[in-house]
Protein backbone atom coordinates (compact mmCIF):
# COMPACT_ATOMS: atom_id res chain seq x y z
CA MET A 1 -12.51 85.83 -37.52
CA ALA A 2 -12.37 88.38 -34.57
CA HIS A 3 -13.28 87.65 -30.89
CA PRO A 4 -17.01 87.48 -30.37
CA ALA A 5 -16.96 90.58 -27.99
CA VAL A 6 -15.19 92.63 -30.91
CA LEU A 7 -17.82 91.67 -33.21
CA LEU A 8 -20.59 92.36 -30.96
CA ASP A 9 -19.31 95.92 -30.22
CA LEU A 10 -18.92 96.40 -34.06
CA MET A 11 -22.44 95.30 -34.87
CA ASP A 12 -23.87 97.41 -32.03
CA GLU A 13 -22.06 100.41 -33.19
CA TYR A 14 -22.92 99.91 -36.99
CA ALA A 15 -26.61 99.57 -35.81
CA ALA A 16 -26.39 102.83 -33.81
CA LEU A 17 -24.81 104.64 -36.72
CA LYS A 18 -27.49 103.36 -39.19
CA ILE A 19 -30.00 104.90 -37.06
CA LEU A 20 -28.10 108.41 -36.89
CA GLU A 21 -27.45 108.18 -40.72
CA ALA A 22 -31.35 107.88 -41.13
CA GLU A 23 -32.09 110.76 -38.66
CA LYS A 24 -29.30 113.29 -39.51
CA GLY A 25 -27.31 112.29 -42.48
CA ALA A 26 -24.25 114.13 -41.22
CA PRO A 27 -20.91 113.66 -43.18
CA GLN A 28 -19.21 112.57 -39.93
CA VAL A 29 -21.76 109.88 -39.29
CA GLN A 30 -21.47 108.52 -42.84
CA ARG A 31 -17.80 108.42 -42.65
CA ARG A 32 -17.80 106.55 -39.32
CA LEU A 33 -20.58 104.23 -40.69
CA GLU A 34 -18.15 103.43 -43.68
CA ASP A 35 -15.27 102.87 -41.38
CA VAL A 36 -17.21 100.43 -39.15
CA ALA A 37 -18.63 98.66 -42.34
CA TYR A 38 -15.10 98.24 -43.51
CA THR A 39 -13.87 96.87 -40.13
CA LEU A 40 -16.77 94.47 -39.96
CA CYS A 41 -15.71 93.04 -43.39
CA ILE A 42 -12.09 92.75 -42.44
CA ALA A 43 -12.99 91.03 -39.12
CA THR A 44 -15.29 88.62 -40.64
CA GLY A 45 -13.20 87.86 -43.92
CA THR A 46 -15.92 89.15 -46.18
CA ARG A 47 -16.26 91.99 -48.91
CA ASP A 48 -19.83 93.14 -48.28
CA VAL A 49 -21.26 94.74 -45.09
CA ASP A 50 -24.45 92.57 -45.27
CA MET A 51 -22.39 89.38 -45.54
CA ALA A 52 -20.20 90.59 -42.67
CA LEU A 53 -23.30 91.05 -40.44
CA ILE A 54 -24.39 87.54 -41.38
CA ALA A 55 -21.04 86.00 -40.61
CA ALA A 56 -20.69 87.87 -37.29
CA ARG A 57 -24.21 86.61 -36.30
CA HIS A 58 -23.36 83.05 -37.27
CA ARG A 59 -19.98 83.49 -35.21
CA LEU A 60 -21.99 84.95 -32.22
CA SER A 61 -24.57 82.13 -32.17
CA GLY A 62 -21.86 79.63 -31.65
CA ALA A 63 -19.77 81.55 -29.18
CA ARG A 64 -19.72 80.66 -25.42
CA THR A 65 -20.30 83.27 -22.88
CA GLY A 66 -17.13 84.64 -22.02
CA ASP A 67 -15.36 82.92 -24.99
CA ASP A 68 -11.59 83.55 -24.79
CA SER A 69 -10.64 81.20 -27.57
CA LEU A 70 -8.85 83.75 -29.44
CA ALA A 71 -7.16 85.47 -26.54
CA GLY A 72 -3.31 85.47 -26.63
CA ALA A 73 -3.53 84.39 -30.34
C-alpha cells in the first residue's frame, strides 16, 4: 500500500480529472484519467478504480498525520 500522502495526491488528481472529463472530455484528460486510475489500482492492490478509491479512503482513515511508516522501505 502506498504512503498516505501519495494516495491523497492520487485521489485529489483523480477527482479533478473526473470534473475535467465531464466538462470537456478531451482525449488528453481521458488518457491522464486512465493513467491515474491505473496508478491508484496498483498503489492499493486492487483491479478496479472504485475499489481502489475505497481502499485508499480506508487507508487514509487510519493514517496518522505525518505518517512516515513507509519511509525508507
